[in-house]
N, C-alpha and C. Protein backbone atom coordinates (compact mmCIF):
# COMPACT_ATOMS: atom_id res chain seq x y z
N MET A 1 38.77 13.03 -19.20
CA MET A 1 38.52 12.54 -17.85
C MET A 1 37.93 13.64 -16.97
N ARG A 2 38.53 14.85 -17.16
CA ARG A 2 38.02 15.97 -16.37
C ARG A 2 36.58 16.29 -16.75
N THR A 3 36.27 16.14 -18.07
CA THR A 3 34.91 16.41 -18.53
C THR A 3 33.93 15.44 -17.90
N VAL A 4 34.32 14.15 -17.86
CA VAL A 4 33.47 13.14 -17.25
C VAL A 4 33.25 13.44 -15.78
N SER A 5 34.33 13.80 -15.10
CA SER A 5 34.24 14.11 -13.66
C SER A 5 33.32 15.30 -13.42
N PHE A 6 33.43 16.30 -14.33
CA PHE A 6 32.60 17.48 -14.18
C PHE A 6 31.12 17.13 -14.36
N VAL A 7 30.85 16.29 -15.41
CA VAL A 7 29.46 15.88 -15.67
C VAL A 7 28.89 15.11 -14.50
N LEU A 8 29.71 14.18 -13.94
CA LEU A 8 29.25 13.39 -12.80
C LEU A 8 28.99 14.27 -11.59
N ALA A 9 29.89 15.24 -11.38
CA ALA A 9 29.72 16.15 -10.25
C ALA A 9 28.48 17.00 -10.43
N LEU A 10 28.25 17.45 -11.68
CA LEU A 10 27.07 18.25 -11.97
C LEU A 10 25.80 17.45 -11.74
N ALA A 11 25.82 16.20 -12.23
CA ALA A 11 24.65 15.32 -12.04
C ALA A 11 24.39 15.09 -10.56
N ALA A 12 25.47 14.86 -9.80
CA ALA A 12 25.32 14.65 -8.36
C ALA A 12 24.75 15.88 -7.68
N GLY A 13 25.21 17.05 -8.15
CA GLY A 13 24.70 18.29 -7.57
C GLY A 13 23.24 18.50 -7.85
N ILE A 14 22.83 18.19 -9.10
CA ILE A 14 21.42 18.30 -9.47
C ILE A 14 20.57 17.34 -8.65
N ALA A 15 21.07 16.08 -8.51
CA ALA A 15 20.35 15.09 -7.73
C ALA A 15 20.21 15.52 -6.28
N ALA A 16 21.30 16.07 -5.73
CA ALA A 16 21.26 16.54 -4.34
C ALA A 16 20.28 17.69 -4.19
N GLY A 17 20.26 18.56 -5.23
CA GLY A 17 19.32 19.67 -5.19
C GLY A 17 17.89 19.20 -5.23
N ASN A 18 17.62 18.21 -6.09
CA ASN A 18 16.28 17.65 -6.17
C ASN A 18 15.88 17.00 -4.87
N MET A 19 16.84 16.24 -4.28
CA MET A 19 16.57 15.58 -3.02
C MET A 19 16.29 16.59 -1.93
N SER A 20 17.07 17.70 -1.94
CA SER A 20 16.87 18.74 -0.94
C SER A 20 15.48 19.36 -1.10
N SER A 21 15.05 19.56 -2.35
CA SER A 21 13.73 20.13 -2.60
C SER A 21 12.63 19.19 -2.15
N GLU A 22 12.84 17.88 -2.41
CA GLU A 22 11.86 16.88 -1.99
C GLU A 22 11.76 16.83 -0.47
N ASN A 23 12.93 16.89 0.20
CA ASN A 23 12.94 16.86 1.66
C ASN A 23 12.25 18.10 2.23
N ALA A 24 12.50 19.25 1.58
CA ALA A 24 11.87 20.49 2.05
C ALA A 24 10.36 20.41 1.89
N ALA A 25 9.92 19.84 0.76
CA ALA A 25 8.47 19.69 0.53
C ALA A 25 7.86 18.73 1.54
N ALA A 26 8.58 17.64 1.83
CA ALA A 26 8.08 16.66 2.80
C ALA A 26 8.02 17.29 4.19
N GLN A 27 9.03 18.08 4.53
CA GLN A 27 9.05 18.73 5.84
C GLN A 27 7.91 19.73 5.95
N LYS A 28 7.63 20.43 4.84
CA LYS A 28 6.52 21.40 4.83
C LYS A 28 5.21 20.70 5.13
N GLN A 29 5.05 19.49 4.59
CA GLN A 29 3.84 18.72 4.81
C GLN A 29 3.71 18.31 6.27
N ARG A 30 4.84 18.20 6.98
CA ARG A 30 4.82 17.78 8.38
C ARG A 30 4.50 18.94 9.31
N GLU A 31 4.46 20.14 8.79
CA GLU A 31 4.19 21.31 9.61
C GLU A 31 2.70 21.66 9.56
N LEU A 32 2.25 22.38 10.57
CA LEU A 32 0.87 22.88 10.57
C LEU A 32 0.89 24.40 10.62
N GLN A 33 0.14 25.01 9.73
CA GLN A 33 0.02 26.46 9.76
C GLN A 33 -0.95 26.88 10.85
N SER A 34 -0.75 28.05 11.38
CA SER A 34 -1.65 28.57 12.41
C SER A 34 -2.89 29.15 11.74
N PRO A 35 -3.98 29.32 12.50
CA PRO A 35 -5.18 29.93 11.92
C PRO A 35 -4.92 31.29 11.29
N GLY A 36 -3.93 32.02 11.83
CA GLY A 36 -3.61 33.34 11.28
C GLY A 36 -3.15 33.29 9.83
N ALA A 37 -2.62 32.15 9.41
CA ALA A 37 -2.16 32.01 8.04
C ALA A 37 -3.31 32.05 7.05
N PHE A 38 -4.55 31.90 7.54
CA PHE A 38 -5.73 31.87 6.67
C PHE A 38 -6.57 33.13 6.81
N SER A 39 -6.06 34.10 7.56
CA SER A 39 -6.84 35.31 7.83
C SER A 39 -7.09 36.15 6.59
N SER A 40 -6.28 35.97 5.55
CA SER A 40 -6.45 36.76 4.32
C SER A 40 -7.61 36.25 3.48
N ILE A 41 -8.17 35.09 3.83
CA ILE A 41 -9.32 34.55 3.10
C ILE A 41 -10.57 35.26 3.62
N ALA A 42 -11.09 36.15 2.82
CA ALA A 42 -12.18 37.02 3.28
C ALA A 42 -13.48 36.25 3.53
N ASP A 43 -13.80 35.35 2.63
CA ASP A 43 -15.06 34.62 2.78
C ASP A 43 -14.96 33.64 3.96
N ARG A 44 -15.89 33.78 4.90
CA ARG A 44 -15.85 32.99 6.13
C ARG A 44 -15.93 31.50 5.88
N ALA A 45 -16.84 31.08 5.01
CA ALA A 45 -17.01 29.66 4.73
C ALA A 45 -15.78 29.07 4.05
N THR A 46 -15.21 29.84 3.13
CA THR A 46 -14.00 29.37 2.44
C THR A 46 -12.85 29.25 3.41
N ARG A 47 -12.74 30.21 4.34
CA ARG A 47 -11.68 30.15 5.35
C ARG A 47 -11.87 28.95 6.25
N SER A 48 -13.11 28.66 6.61
CA SER A 48 -13.41 27.51 7.47
C SER A 48 -12.98 26.20 6.80
N LYS A 49 -13.29 26.08 5.52
CA LYS A 49 -12.91 24.88 4.78
C LYS A 49 -11.39 24.74 4.71
N ALA A 50 -10.71 25.84 4.50
CA ALA A 50 -9.25 25.82 4.44
C ALA A 50 -8.65 25.40 5.78
N LEU A 51 -9.24 25.87 6.86
CA LEU A 51 -8.76 25.50 8.20
C LEU A 51 -8.92 24.00 8.43
N PHE A 52 -10.04 23.43 7.97
CA PHE A 52 -10.22 21.99 8.16
C PHE A 52 -9.23 21.21 7.30
N LEU A 53 -8.98 21.67 6.09
CA LEU A 53 -8.01 20.99 5.24
C LEU A 53 -6.63 20.97 5.89
N GLU A 54 -6.30 22.04 6.61
CA GLU A 54 -5.01 22.06 7.31
C GLU A 54 -5.02 21.07 8.47
N ALA A 55 -6.11 21.03 9.23
CA ALA A 55 -6.23 20.07 10.32
C ALA A 55 -6.22 18.64 9.80
N ALA A 56 -6.70 18.47 8.57
CA ALA A 56 -6.77 17.14 7.98
C ALA A 56 -5.40 16.53 7.72
N LYS A 57 -4.35 17.35 7.73
CA LYS A 57 -2.99 16.81 7.64
C LYS A 57 -2.76 15.81 8.78
N VAL A 58 -3.35 16.10 9.94
CA VAL A 58 -3.24 15.20 11.09
C VAL A 58 -4.26 14.08 10.99
N ILE A 59 -5.50 14.44 10.71
CA ILE A 59 -6.59 13.47 10.69
C ILE A 59 -6.33 12.33 9.70
N THR A 60 -5.73 12.66 8.55
CA THR A 60 -5.46 11.65 7.53
C THR A 60 -4.06 11.06 7.64
N ASP A 61 -3.31 11.45 8.64
CA ASP A 61 -1.97 10.90 8.84
C ASP A 61 -2.08 9.44 9.29
N PRO A 62 -1.11 8.59 8.93
CA PRO A 62 -1.16 7.17 9.35
C PRO A 62 -1.32 6.96 10.85
N ARG A 63 -0.76 7.87 11.67
CA ARG A 63 -0.87 7.69 13.11
C ARG A 63 -2.32 7.75 13.58
N CYS A 64 -3.16 8.47 12.85
CA CYS A 64 -4.58 8.54 13.19
C CYS A 64 -5.40 7.57 12.33
N MET A 65 -5.12 7.58 11.03
CA MET A 65 -5.92 6.79 10.10
C MET A 65 -5.86 5.30 10.39
N ASN A 66 -4.71 4.80 10.85
CA ASN A 66 -4.57 3.36 11.10
C ASN A 66 -5.49 2.86 12.20
N CYS A 67 -5.93 3.75 13.07
CA CYS A 67 -6.83 3.36 14.16
C CYS A 67 -8.30 3.61 13.80
N HIS A 68 -8.53 4.10 12.59
CA HIS A 68 -9.90 4.35 12.12
C HIS A 68 -10.16 3.56 10.84
N PRO A 69 -9.90 2.25 10.83
CA PRO A 69 -10.10 1.46 9.61
C PRO A 69 -11.57 1.16 9.34
N ALA A 70 -11.87 0.87 8.08
CA ALA A 70 -13.24 0.54 7.71
C ALA A 70 -13.54 -0.94 7.87
N GLY A 71 -12.50 -1.75 8.05
CA GLY A 71 -12.68 -3.19 8.15
C GLY A 71 -12.54 -3.71 9.57
N ASP A 72 -12.31 -4.99 9.69
CA ASP A 72 -12.26 -5.65 11.00
C ASP A 72 -10.84 -5.83 11.51
N HIS A 73 -9.86 -5.22 10.83
CA HIS A 73 -8.47 -5.37 11.26
C HIS A 73 -7.83 -3.99 11.44
N PRO A 74 -6.99 -3.83 12.45
CA PRO A 74 -6.20 -2.60 12.57
C PRO A 74 -5.25 -2.49 11.38
N LEU A 75 -4.78 -1.30 11.12
CA LEU A 75 -3.79 -1.08 10.07
C LEU A 75 -2.46 -0.68 10.73
N GLN A 76 -1.38 -0.85 9.97
CA GLN A 76 -0.05 -0.54 10.49
C GLN A 76 0.76 0.19 9.43
N GLY A 77 1.77 0.93 9.89
CA GLY A 77 2.76 1.52 8.99
C GLY A 77 2.25 2.70 8.20
N ASP A 78 3.17 3.38 7.55
CA ASP A 78 2.80 4.52 6.73
C ASP A 78 2.06 4.10 5.46
N ASP A 79 2.14 2.80 5.12
CA ASP A 79 1.43 2.30 3.94
C ASP A 79 0.07 1.69 4.29
N HIS A 80 -0.32 1.77 5.55
CA HIS A 80 -1.64 1.30 6.01
C HIS A 80 -1.85 -0.20 5.72
N HIS A 81 -0.83 -1.02 5.94
CA HIS A 81 -1.02 -2.45 5.69
C HIS A 81 -1.75 -3.10 6.86
N ILE A 82 -2.35 -4.26 6.58
CA ILE A 82 -3.10 -4.99 7.60
C ILE A 82 -2.18 -5.39 8.75
N HIS A 83 -2.67 -5.24 9.96
CA HIS A 83 -1.91 -5.54 11.18
C HIS A 83 -1.32 -6.96 11.14
N GLN A 84 -0.02 -7.03 11.41
CA GLN A 84 0.66 -8.32 11.58
C GLN A 84 1.38 -8.33 12.92
N PRO A 85 1.20 -9.39 13.72
CA PRO A 85 0.41 -10.58 13.45
C PRO A 85 -1.09 -10.27 13.39
N ALA A 86 -1.87 -11.25 12.92
CA ALA A 86 -3.29 -11.03 12.70
C ALA A 86 -3.98 -10.54 13.97
N ALA A 87 -4.76 -9.48 13.83
CA ALA A 87 -5.53 -8.93 14.95
C ALA A 87 -6.92 -8.59 14.41
N PHE A 88 -7.90 -8.63 15.31
CA PHE A 88 -9.28 -8.44 14.90
C PHE A 88 -9.95 -7.35 15.74
N ARG A 89 -10.95 -6.72 15.16
CA ARG A 89 -11.67 -5.65 15.83
C ARG A 89 -12.37 -6.15 17.09
N GLY A 90 -13.13 -7.23 16.97
CA GLY A 90 -13.91 -7.73 18.10
C GLY A 90 -15.14 -6.88 18.35
N GLU A 91 -16.01 -7.38 19.21
CA GLU A 91 -17.28 -6.69 19.46
C GLU A 91 -17.11 -5.34 20.14
N ALA A 92 -16.08 -5.20 20.96
CA ALA A 92 -15.87 -3.95 21.69
C ALA A 92 -14.75 -3.11 21.09
N ASN A 93 -14.32 -3.44 19.87
CA ASN A 93 -13.26 -2.71 19.16
C ASN A 93 -11.89 -2.83 19.82
N ASN A 94 -11.74 -3.78 20.74
CA ASN A 94 -10.45 -3.95 21.43
C ASN A 94 -9.93 -5.38 21.32
N GLY A 95 -10.26 -6.05 20.21
CA GLY A 95 -9.74 -7.39 19.98
C GLY A 95 -10.78 -8.48 20.14
N GLY A 96 -10.47 -9.65 19.57
CA GLY A 96 -11.38 -10.78 19.66
C GLY A 96 -11.17 -11.60 20.91
N PRO A 97 -12.00 -12.58 21.15
CA PRO A 97 -11.88 -13.44 22.34
C PRO A 97 -10.50 -14.10 22.40
N GLY A 98 -9.86 -13.97 23.54
CA GLY A 98 -8.55 -14.59 23.73
C GLY A 98 -7.40 -13.81 23.12
N LEU A 99 -7.69 -12.75 22.40
CA LEU A 99 -6.62 -11.94 21.80
C LEU A 99 -7.02 -10.47 21.81
N LYS A 100 -7.15 -9.94 23.02
CA LYS A 100 -7.48 -8.53 23.17
C LYS A 100 -6.27 -7.68 22.79
N CYS A 101 -6.53 -6.43 22.44
CA CYS A 101 -5.44 -5.52 22.09
C CYS A 101 -4.40 -5.45 23.22
N ALA A 102 -4.90 -5.48 24.47
CA ALA A 102 -4.01 -5.37 25.62
C ALA A 102 -3.10 -6.57 25.79
N THR A 103 -3.32 -7.65 25.03
CA THR A 103 -2.43 -8.80 25.10
C THR A 103 -1.02 -8.39 24.69
N CYS A 104 -0.92 -7.52 23.69
CA CYS A 104 0.39 -7.07 23.21
C CYS A 104 0.63 -5.58 23.49
N HIS A 105 -0.44 -4.81 23.53
CA HIS A 105 -0.30 -3.36 23.72
C HIS A 105 -0.53 -3.01 25.18
N SER A 106 0.52 -2.64 25.86
CA SER A 106 0.42 -2.31 27.28
C SER A 106 0.01 -0.86 27.44
N PHE A 107 0.14 -0.33 28.66
CA PHE A 107 -0.32 1.03 28.93
C PHE A 107 0.63 2.11 28.41
N ARG A 108 1.78 1.71 27.85
CA ARG A 108 2.72 2.67 27.28
C ARG A 108 3.47 2.01 26.14
N ASN A 109 4.17 2.84 25.35
CA ASN A 109 4.99 2.31 24.27
C ASN A 109 6.09 1.41 24.84
N PHE A 110 6.38 0.34 24.12
CA PHE A 110 7.43 -0.59 24.55
C PHE A 110 8.47 -0.69 23.44
N THR A 111 9.69 -0.25 23.72
CA THR A 111 10.77 -0.30 22.74
C THR A 111 11.40 -1.68 22.72
N LEU A 112 11.53 -2.24 21.53
CA LEU A 112 12.12 -3.56 21.37
C LEU A 112 13.64 -3.46 21.29
N SER A 113 14.31 -4.49 21.80
CA SER A 113 15.77 -4.48 21.81
C SER A 113 16.36 -5.20 20.61
N VAL A 114 15.52 -5.89 19.84
CA VAL A 114 16.01 -6.64 18.68
C VAL A 114 16.15 -5.69 17.51
N GLY A 115 17.39 -5.44 17.10
CA GLY A 115 17.67 -4.46 16.06
C GLY A 115 17.18 -4.86 14.69
N GLU A 116 17.05 -6.14 14.41
CA GLU A 116 16.64 -6.60 13.09
C GLU A 116 15.13 -6.77 12.96
N ALA A 117 14.37 -6.42 13.98
CA ALA A 117 12.92 -6.59 13.92
C ALA A 117 12.34 -5.69 12.85
N SER A 118 11.21 -6.08 12.28
CA SER A 118 10.58 -5.29 11.24
C SER A 118 9.97 -4.01 11.81
N TYR A 119 9.81 -3.95 13.11
CA TYR A 119 9.37 -2.72 13.75
C TYR A 119 10.18 -2.56 15.03
N GLN A 120 10.32 -1.31 15.48
CA GLN A 120 11.23 -1.00 16.58
C GLN A 120 10.54 -0.90 17.93
N SER A 121 9.24 -0.78 17.92
CA SER A 121 8.53 -0.64 19.19
C SER A 121 7.08 -1.09 19.03
N ILE A 122 6.47 -1.41 20.16
CA ILE A 122 5.05 -1.75 20.20
C ILE A 122 4.33 -0.58 20.86
N PRO A 123 3.39 0.04 20.16
CA PRO A 123 2.69 1.18 20.76
C PRO A 123 1.80 0.76 21.91
N GLY A 124 1.57 1.69 22.81
CA GLY A 124 0.74 1.36 23.96
C GLY A 124 0.04 2.57 24.56
N HIS A 125 -1.06 2.29 25.23
CA HIS A 125 -1.86 3.30 25.92
C HIS A 125 -2.91 2.55 26.72
N PRO A 126 -3.31 3.05 27.89
CA PRO A 126 -4.32 2.34 28.69
C PRO A 126 -5.63 2.08 27.96
N ARG A 127 -5.97 2.90 26.96
CA ARG A 127 -7.24 2.73 26.24
C ARG A 127 -7.01 2.29 24.79
N TRP A 128 -5.92 1.56 24.54
CA TRP A 128 -5.59 1.19 23.17
C TRP A 128 -6.70 0.33 22.57
N ALA A 129 -7.27 0.79 21.47
CA ALA A 129 -8.36 0.08 20.79
C ALA A 129 -8.62 0.78 19.46
N LEU A 130 -9.43 0.14 18.62
CA LEU A 130 -9.84 0.76 17.37
C LEU A 130 -10.98 1.73 17.61
N ALA A 131 -11.08 2.72 16.75
CA ALA A 131 -12.26 3.57 16.75
C ALA A 131 -13.45 2.73 16.27
N PRO A 132 -14.65 2.98 16.77
CA PRO A 132 -15.82 2.23 16.31
C PRO A 132 -16.02 2.38 14.81
N LEU A 133 -16.72 1.43 14.21
CA LEU A 133 -16.93 1.45 12.76
C LEU A 133 -17.63 2.73 12.28
N GLU A 134 -18.52 3.27 13.12
CA GLU A 134 -19.19 4.49 12.69
C GLU A 134 -18.23 5.68 12.62
N MET A 135 -17.04 5.50 13.19
CA MET A 135 -16.00 6.53 13.12
C MET A 135 -14.89 6.15 12.15
N ALA A 136 -15.12 5.18 11.28
CA ALA A 136 -14.11 4.75 10.31
C ALA A 136 -13.84 5.85 9.29
N TRP A 137 -12.56 6.12 9.02
CA TRP A 137 -12.16 7.15 8.06
C TRP A 137 -11.52 6.56 6.81
N GLU A 138 -11.10 5.32 6.89
CA GLU A 138 -10.38 4.69 5.78
C GLU A 138 -11.18 4.77 4.48
N GLY A 139 -10.51 5.21 3.41
CA GLY A 139 -11.13 5.24 2.10
C GLY A 139 -12.05 6.42 1.85
N LYS A 140 -12.16 7.34 2.80
CA LYS A 140 -13.07 8.48 2.65
C LYS A 140 -12.31 9.74 2.29
N SER A 141 -13.00 10.64 1.60
CA SER A 141 -12.41 11.93 1.27
C SER A 141 -12.36 12.80 2.52
N VAL A 142 -11.58 13.87 2.45
CA VAL A 142 -11.50 14.80 3.59
C VAL A 142 -12.87 15.40 3.87
N GLY A 143 -13.62 15.71 2.82
CA GLY A 143 -14.96 16.26 3.01
C GLY A 143 -15.89 15.28 3.71
N ASP A 144 -15.83 14.02 3.31
CA ASP A 144 -16.66 12.99 3.95
C ASP A 144 -16.29 12.83 5.42
N ILE A 145 -14.99 12.85 5.71
CA ILE A 145 -14.54 12.73 7.10
C ILE A 145 -15.04 13.92 7.91
N CYS A 146 -14.96 15.09 7.33
CA CYS A 146 -15.42 16.30 8.01
C CYS A 146 -16.90 16.19 8.38
N ARG A 147 -17.71 15.80 7.40
CA ARG A 147 -19.15 15.67 7.67
C ARG A 147 -19.42 14.58 8.71
N GLN A 148 -18.62 13.56 8.69
CA GLN A 148 -18.78 12.47 9.65
C GLN A 148 -18.47 12.91 11.07
N ILE A 149 -17.35 13.60 11.25
CA ILE A 149 -16.97 13.96 12.63
C ILE A 149 -17.86 15.06 13.21
N LYS A 150 -18.63 15.75 12.36
CA LYS A 150 -19.59 16.73 12.85
C LYS A 150 -20.90 16.09 13.28
N ASP A 151 -21.13 14.87 12.84
CA ASP A 151 -22.40 14.19 13.05
C ASP A 151 -22.39 13.45 14.40
N PRO A 152 -23.18 13.88 15.38
CA PRO A 152 -23.17 13.23 16.70
C PRO A 152 -23.53 11.75 16.64
N THR A 153 -24.26 11.33 15.61
CA THR A 153 -24.61 9.91 15.50
C THR A 153 -23.42 9.08 15.02
N ARG A 154 -22.36 9.76 14.57
CA ARG A 154 -21.18 9.05 14.07
C ARG A 154 -19.89 9.52 14.69
N ASN A 155 -19.96 10.33 15.72
CA ASN A 155 -18.72 10.81 16.36
C ASN A 155 -18.71 10.55 17.87
N GLY A 156 -19.51 9.60 18.30
CA GLY A 156 -19.56 9.29 19.72
C GLY A 156 -20.45 10.23 20.51
N GLY A 157 -21.40 10.89 19.84
CA GLY A 157 -22.33 11.78 20.52
C GLY A 157 -21.73 13.11 20.93
N ARG A 158 -20.67 13.55 20.25
CA ARG A 158 -19.97 14.77 20.64
C ARG A 158 -20.57 16.00 19.97
N SER A 159 -20.72 17.05 20.74
CA SER A 159 -21.03 18.36 20.19
C SER A 159 -19.73 18.91 19.60
N LEU A 160 -19.82 20.06 18.94
CA LEU A 160 -18.60 20.66 18.39
C LEU A 160 -17.61 21.00 19.51
N ALA A 161 -18.12 21.44 20.64
CA ALA A 161 -17.24 21.76 21.78
C ALA A 161 -16.52 20.51 22.29
N LEU A 162 -17.26 19.41 22.39
CA LEU A 162 -16.64 18.16 22.83
C LEU A 162 -15.71 17.60 21.77
N LEU A 163 -16.03 17.86 20.51
CA LEU A 163 -15.14 17.43 19.43
C LEU A 163 -13.81 18.15 19.53
N HIS A 164 -13.86 19.45 19.81
CA HIS A 164 -12.62 20.21 20.01
C HIS A 164 -11.82 19.65 21.17
N GLU A 165 -12.52 19.38 22.26
CA GLU A 165 -11.83 18.85 23.44
C GLU A 165 -11.15 17.51 23.13
N HIS A 166 -11.83 16.69 22.32
CA HIS A 166 -11.26 15.40 21.94
C HIS A 166 -9.95 15.58 21.18
N PHE A 167 -9.96 16.43 20.18
CA PHE A 167 -8.75 16.66 19.38
C PHE A 167 -7.66 17.36 20.18
N ALA A 168 -8.05 18.32 21.00
CA ALA A 168 -7.07 19.17 21.67
C ALA A 168 -6.54 18.60 22.98
N LYS A 169 -7.32 17.74 23.65
CA LYS A 169 -6.94 17.33 25.00
C LYS A 169 -6.83 15.82 25.22
N ASP A 170 -7.50 15.02 24.41
CA ASP A 170 -7.54 13.57 24.66
C ASP A 170 -6.13 12.97 24.67
N ASP A 171 -5.82 12.18 25.71
CA ASP A 171 -4.47 11.65 25.83
C ASP A 171 -4.20 10.49 24.86
N LEU A 172 -5.25 9.84 24.36
CA LEU A 172 -5.03 8.82 23.34
C LEU A 172 -4.71 9.48 22.00
N VAL A 173 -5.39 10.58 21.69
CA VAL A 173 -5.06 11.36 20.50
C VAL A 173 -3.62 11.86 20.60
N ALA A 174 -3.20 12.23 21.81
CA ALA A 174 -1.85 12.74 22.02
C ALA A 174 -0.77 11.73 21.65
N TRP A 175 -1.12 10.44 21.69
CA TRP A 175 -0.15 9.40 21.33
C TRP A 175 0.40 9.63 19.93
N ALA A 176 -0.38 10.22 19.04
CA ALA A 176 0.04 10.42 17.65
C ALA A 176 1.33 11.22 17.54
N TRP A 177 1.65 12.01 18.56
CA TRP A 177 2.87 12.81 18.54
C TRP A 177 3.99 12.17 19.37
N SER A 178 3.69 11.06 20.00
CA SER A 178 4.70 10.28 20.73
C SER A 178 4.46 8.81 20.43
N PRO A 179 4.62 8.40 19.17
CA PRO A 179 4.19 7.06 18.76
C PRO A 179 5.19 5.94 18.98
N GLY A 180 6.33 6.24 19.56
CA GLY A 180 7.32 5.18 19.81
C GLY A 180 8.34 5.08 18.69
N ALA A 181 9.44 4.43 18.98
CA ALA A 181 10.55 4.31 18.05
C ALA A 181 10.11 3.67 16.74
N GLY A 182 10.62 4.22 15.64
CA GLY A 182 10.33 3.66 14.33
C GLY A 182 9.10 4.22 13.66
N ARG A 183 8.42 5.18 14.29
CA ARG A 183 7.22 5.76 13.69
C ARG A 183 7.35 7.29 13.62
N MET A 184 6.93 7.83 12.51
CA MET A 184 6.94 9.28 12.33
C MET A 184 5.75 9.89 13.07
N PRO A 185 5.98 10.87 13.93
CA PRO A 185 4.86 11.51 14.63
C PRO A 185 3.93 12.22 13.63
N ALA A 186 2.72 12.47 14.06
CA ALA A 186 1.77 13.24 13.25
C ALA A 186 2.30 14.66 13.04
N PRO A 187 1.85 15.34 12.00
CA PRO A 187 2.32 16.71 11.75
C PRO A 187 2.01 17.66 12.90
N GLY A 188 2.87 18.64 13.08
CA GLY A 188 2.64 19.68 14.07
C GLY A 188 2.61 19.17 15.49
N THR A 189 1.72 19.75 16.29
CA THR A 189 1.54 19.35 17.69
C THR A 189 0.04 19.24 17.97
N GLN A 190 -0.30 18.61 19.08
CA GLN A 190 -1.71 18.51 19.45
C GLN A 190 -2.27 19.89 19.77
N GLU A 191 -1.48 20.75 20.36
CA GLU A 191 -1.94 22.11 20.66
C GLU A 191 -2.29 22.86 19.38
N GLN A 192 -1.43 22.71 18.36
CA GLN A 192 -1.71 23.36 17.08
C GLN A 192 -2.98 22.81 16.44
N LEU A 193 -3.16 21.49 16.53
CA LEU A 193 -4.37 20.89 15.99
C LEU A 193 -5.60 21.44 16.69
N GLY A 194 -5.54 21.52 18.00
CA GLY A 194 -6.67 22.05 18.77
C GLY A 194 -7.00 23.49 18.38
N THR A 195 -5.97 24.28 18.13
CA THR A 195 -6.18 25.67 17.72
C THR A 195 -6.86 25.75 16.35
N LEU A 196 -6.43 24.87 15.44
CA LEU A 196 -7.04 24.85 14.11
C LEU A 196 -8.51 24.41 14.18
N ILE A 197 -8.78 23.38 14.98
CA ILE A 197 -10.15 22.89 15.10
C ILE A 197 -11.05 23.96 15.72
N GLN A 198 -10.54 24.68 16.71
CA GLN A 198 -11.33 25.74 17.33
C GLN A 198 -11.63 26.84 16.32
N ALA A 199 -10.63 27.22 15.52
CA ALA A 199 -10.83 28.25 14.51
C ALA A 199 -11.81 27.77 13.44
N TRP A 200 -11.74 26.49 13.11
CA TRP A 200 -12.69 25.91 12.15
C TRP A 200 -14.11 26.00 12.69
N ILE A 201 -14.29 25.69 13.96
CA ILE A 201 -15.62 25.77 14.58
C ILE A 201 -16.12 27.20 14.59
N GLU A 202 -15.25 28.14 14.96
CA GLU A 202 -15.65 29.53 15.06
C GLU A 202 -16.01 30.15 13.72
N THR A 203 -15.54 29.55 12.63
CA THR A 203 -15.86 30.06 11.30
C THR A 203 -17.01 29.28 10.65
N GLY A 204 -17.71 28.51 11.46
CA GLY A 204 -18.90 27.83 10.97
C GLY A 204 -18.78 26.35 10.75
N ALA A 205 -17.59 25.79 11.04
CA ALA A 205 -17.37 24.35 10.89
C ALA A 205 -17.82 23.84 9.50
N GLU A 206 -17.37 24.58 8.48
CA GLU A 206 -17.72 24.20 7.11
C GLU A 206 -16.83 23.07 6.61
N CYS A 207 -17.37 22.22 5.75
CA CYS A 207 -16.62 21.09 5.22
C CYS A 207 -16.19 21.32 3.78
N PRO A 208 -14.99 20.88 3.43
CA PRO A 208 -14.50 21.04 2.04
C PRO A 208 -15.40 20.29 1.07
């Protein structure tokens, strides 16, 4: 009996250790390294690519990716499922006739009181809408996204300086770190993202 108990305890300890390692790895993924962490990369272009890959932890996070779909529907959740109830892009990227995004999404997050709901809050912002199709990131590699956001014909006409300002200062982008109850915030902070993007620009804005 003691042998069985010991084996069970050992197995539980191993499982707990594995779980702890998995949690630590997941937490590491939620963090953002500073540009200084890449200073040992001597080659400027290689360092620039590494900086963008770090920033891409945010860019490819569900909080950002769900608003940059390639189709006509917003995405939801960490699994990027189609928005429920049914919602459509519309001509202005803010919903179809009679069902604008603002019908359900107000100027701020709204926490629901129903504990059994499939989601705990409805996100909100005064400019809540999908990114235009030319800014769609869904299904693209990090390198493709990088080349896209550098292209003024596909990034809303932004120069690299304006692109930095968008990532570092835009209050709709900031929502990703305050997404409402039931949603995991994007990795790091908006300030950290802005610092990484600036360092990426200063090293030549190279794409992976």
